[in-house]
Protein backbone atom coordinates (compact mmCIF):
# COMPACT_ATOMS: atom_id res chain seq x y z
CA MET A 1 10.11 60.56 55.17
CA PRO A 2 7.86 62.56 57.40
CA ARG A 3 6.30 66.04 56.35
CA GLN A 4 8.10 68.84 57.86
CA SER A 5 4.58 69.91 59.65
CA ASP A 6 4.07 66.46 60.57
CA THR A 7 7.62 66.46 62.27
CA ARG A 8 7.35 69.83 64.32
CA ALA A 9 3.92 68.47 65.46
CA ARG A 10 5.06 65.26 66.89
CA ALA A 11 8.27 67.04 68.48
CA ARG A 12 5.98 69.40 70.22
CA ASP A 13 3.61 66.51 71.05
CA GLU A 14 6.61 64.75 72.24
CA PHE A 15 8.08 67.60 74.23
CA ALA A 16 4.63 68.47 75.79
CA ARG A 17 4.48 64.74 77.08
CA ARG A 18 8.03 64.63 78.74
CA LEU A 19 7.38 67.91 80.29
CA ALA A 20 4.16 67.07 82.09
CA ASP A 21 6.09 64.00 83.29
CA TYR A 22 9.36 65.03 84.10
CA GLY A 23 9.53 68.94 83.96
CA TYR A 24 11.62 71.50 82.10
CA LEU A 25 14.92 70.21 83.34
CA GLY A 26 14.06 66.57 82.86
CA VAL A 27 13.49 67.25 78.89
CA SER A 28 16.24 67.18 76.55
CA LEU A 29 16.38 67.48 72.84
CA ASP A 30 18.44 64.15 72.07
CA ASP A 31 15.63 62.53 73.51
CA ILE A 32 13.15 63.94 71.85
CA ALA A 33 15.00 64.08 68.43
CA LYS A 34 15.20 59.95 69.20
CA ALA A 35 11.46 59.67 69.93
CA VAL A 36 10.28 61.43 66.92
CA ASP A 37 13.13 59.59 64.93
CA VAL A 38 15.00 62.90 63.49
CA LYS A 39 18.41 64.08 63.75
CA LYS A 40 18.91 66.56 66.31
CA ALA A 41 19.88 69.29 63.63
CA SER A 42 16.45 68.60 62.55
CA LEU A 43 14.85 69.56 65.69
CA TYR A 44 17.15 73.09 65.40
CA HIS A 45 15.77 73.48 61.89
CA HIS A 46 12.18 73.44 63.12
CA PHE A 47 13.06 75.62 66.28
CA PRO A 48 15.78 77.49 65.76
CA GLY A 49 15.82 78.73 69.37
CA GLY A 50 16.30 75.16 70.87
CA LYS A 51 14.64 74.07 73.51
CA PRO A 52 13.16 77.50 74.78
CA ALA A 53 11.44 77.63 71.21
CA LEU A 54 10.10 73.94 71.33
CA PHE A 55 8.77 74.91 74.89
CA MET A 56 7.25 78.15 73.75
CA GLU A 57 5.49 76.06 71.03
CA VAL A 58 3.92 73.40 73.49
CA ALA A 59 2.93 76.61 75.90
CA ASP A 60 1.21 78.33 73.05
CA HIS A 61 -0.43 75.09 71.49
CA TYR A 62 -1.69 74.20 75.12
CA THR A 63 -2.97 77.47 75.88
CA LYS A 64 -4.93 78.00 72.46
CA GLU A 65 -6.12 74.47 72.47
CA ALA A 66 -7.58 74.67 75.95
CA SER A 67 -8.69 78.35 75.58
CA ALA A 68 -10.86 77.25 72.58
CA LEU A 69 -12.41 74.53 75.08
CA LEU A 70 -12.99 77.14 77.56
CA GLN A 71 -14.69 79.40 75.04
CA SER A 72 -16.97 76.58 73.88
CA ALA A 73 -18.13 75.73 77.64
CA LEU A 74 -18.60 79.58 77.69
CA ALA A 75 -20.91 79.94 74.84
CA THR A 76 -23.31 77.37 76.55
CA PRO A 77 -27.04 78.85 76.27
CA GLY A 78 -28.76 79.61 79.97
CA THR A 79 -28.14 80.59 83.74
CA LEU A 80 -24.96 81.16 84.76
CA ARG A 81 -25.10 77.99 86.56
CA ASP A 82 -25.53 76.19 82.88
CA LYS A 83 -21.91 77.73 82.10
CA LEU A 84 -20.41 76.92 84.98
CA LEU A 85 -21.35 73.35 84.85
CA ALA A 86 -20.06 73.14 81.01
CA LEU A 87 -17.23 74.46 82.64
CA ALA A 88 -16.69 72.05 85.14
CA ALA A 89 -17.81 69.24 83.05
CA SER A 90 -15.06 70.24 80.64
CA TYR A 91 -12.25 69.56 83.48
CA ALA A 92 -14.36 66.31 84.07
CA GLN A 93 -13.84 65.24 80.09
CA GLY A 94 -10.21 65.74 80.42
CA THR A 95 -10.08 69.01 78.64
CA TYR A 96 -7.16 70.44 80.85
CA ASN A 97 -3.69 68.41 81.33
CA SER A 98 -3.43 69.81 85.07
CA ALA A 99 0.36 68.17 85.09
CA LEU A 100 1.27 69.82 81.78
CA SER A 101 -0.24 73.14 82.60
CA ASN A 102 1.60 72.93 85.92
CA GLN A 103 4.81 72.22 84.26
CA ILE A 104 4.11 74.96 82.06
CA TYR A 105 3.99 77.45 84.78
CA TYR A 106 7.21 76.17 86.60
CA ALA A 107 9.03 76.22 83.38
CA THR A 108 8.99 79.86 82.92
CA ARG A 109 11.29 80.44 85.77
CA HIS A 110 14.10 78.78 82.90
CA LEU A 111 13.11 81.42 80.33
CA GLU A 112 14.17 84.75 79.37
CA GLU A 113 12.11 87.62 80.70
CA VAL A 114 10.23 88.44 77.30
CA GLN A 115 9.28 84.71 77.24
CA ARG A 116 8.12 84.41 80.46
CA ALA A 117 5.93 87.38 79.96
CA GLU A 118 4.42 86.09 76.70
CA VAL A 119 3.67 82.91 78.35
CA SER A 120 2.13 84.85 81.17
CA HIS A 121 0.25 86.97 79.13
CA ALA A 122 -1.19 84.45 76.59
CA TYR A 123 -2.42 82.01 79.51
CA VAL A 124 -4.13 84.85 81.36
CA ARG A 125 -5.82 86.17 77.99
CA GLY A 126 -6.91 82.87 77.09
CA LEU A 127 -7.57 80.83 80.15
CA ILE A 128 -8.54 83.07 83.53
CA GLN A 129 -9.84 86.41 81.83
CA PRO A 130 -12.93 84.79 79.97
CA VAL A 131 -13.77 83.40 83.34
CA THR A 132 -12.93 86.41 85.21
CA ASP A 133 -15.54 88.29 82.45
CA LEU A 134 -17.96 85.85 83.61
CA MET A 135 -17.66 86.18 86.99
CA ALA A 136 -17.71 90.03 86.74
CA GLN A 137 -20.94 89.89 84.40
CA ALA A 138 -22.68 87.85 87.35
CA VAL A 139 -21.86 89.88 89.62
CA ALA A 140 -23.21 93.01 87.92
CA THR A 141 -26.68 91.41 87.37
CA GLY A 142 -26.68 90.18 91.23
CA GLU A 143 -26.35 86.63 90.21
CA LEU A 144 -23.27 86.28 92.45
CA ARG A 145 -22.55 88.60 95.66
CA GLN A 146 -20.53 91.41 95.42
CA ALA A 147 -16.60 90.18 95.28
CA ASP A 148 -13.91 90.49 93.39
CA PRO A 149 -14.32 88.74 89.98
CA GLY A 150 -10.80 87.58 89.77
CA PHE A 151 -11.14 85.99 93.51
CA LEU A 152 -14.31 84.29 92.08
CA ALA A 153 -13.03 83.12 88.78
CA THR A 154 -10.00 81.64 90.62
CA ALA A 155 -11.85 80.04 93.27
CA PHE A 156 -14.16 78.31 91.01
CA MET A 157 -11.17 76.97 88.57
CA GLU A 158 -9.36 75.51 91.50
CA LEU A 159 -12.60 73.94 92.49
CA ALA A 160 -13.39 72.77 88.87
CA ALA A 161 -9.73 71.36 88.74
CA THR A 162 -10.62 68.68 91.26
CA VAL A 163 -12.75 67.06 88.73
CA HIS A 164 -11.01 64.63 87.16
CA PRO A 165 -11.75 62.16 83.94
CA PRO A 166 -12.94 58.93 85.09
CA GLN A 167 -9.62 56.49 85.61
CA ASP A 168 -11.50 53.12 85.74
CA ASP A 169 -14.24 51.83 87.04
CA CYS A 170 -13.72 52.25 90.65
CA THR A 171 -14.07 56.27 90.48
CA PRO A 172 -16.28 56.90 93.38
CA ALA A 173 -18.45 58.98 91.58
CA PRO A 174 -19.37 60.02 87.85
CA ALA A 175 -17.85 63.12 86.81
CA ASP A 176 -21.14 64.61 85.76
CA ARG A 177 -22.13 64.20 89.51
CA LEU A 178 -18.64 65.61 90.55
CA ALA A 179 -18.97 68.77 88.20
CA GLN A 180 -22.67 69.06 90.00
CA ASP A 181 -21.03 69.02 93.34
CA VAL A 182 -18.44 71.66 92.30
CA VAL A 183 -21.16 74.45 90.89
CA ASP A 184 -23.43 73.85 93.60
CA LEU A 185 -20.54 73.99 96.15
CA PHE A 186 -19.13 77.38 94.51
CA LEU A 187 -22.82 78.67 94.26
CA ARG A 188 -24.12 77.71 97.46
CA GLY A 189 -21.49 77.31 99.78
CA ALA A 190 -20.50 74.20 102.31
CA GLY A 191 -23.72 74.90 104.60
CA PRO A 192 -26.24 72.40 104.91
CA ASP A 193 -29.10 72.85 102.75
CA ASN A 194 -31.69 73.29 105.28
CA PRO A 195 -29.97 75.63 108.15
CA LEU A 196 -31.05 75.10 111.10
CA THR A 197 -30.64 78.82 112.15
């Protein structure tokens, strides 16, 4: 008989997997119970609030895990470029599950307002604000031009999200090279290295 904490974690992980694949409406507690080999009533024992409670557990776990990895990248010693390379490389290593992140975002429309606000605030606090703070510091020290730090953070994270872990041997460029390209594009723009004018 599996321990309670193991059942809870397995249910959370199965819900996360199915959420990423099928979206919130495509996940049923019956399917989760079958996949983790427990009765549906056992899920309600672990998650008395049912599907929304299990979703909240998934969102919280994902945000905390991704935030810890992001903080580790931001703690990289060196220049702004070094920190940005570490952030982009973390995307290349599969740190952020963009399918799950997107589905967490879309699923909030099916939650109560209080739950929606809780997920949103945790996501901003854990995954957006630290990068915004880095950009604000870089603007203040002149490492970046005067611009809204929130805009800069969003722009960088969107660029970094294009760096994916290698899927097979046919990857057109190594992930570390893609991470460098993302950082260079962010810091120097897309103009030529030696402009003619």
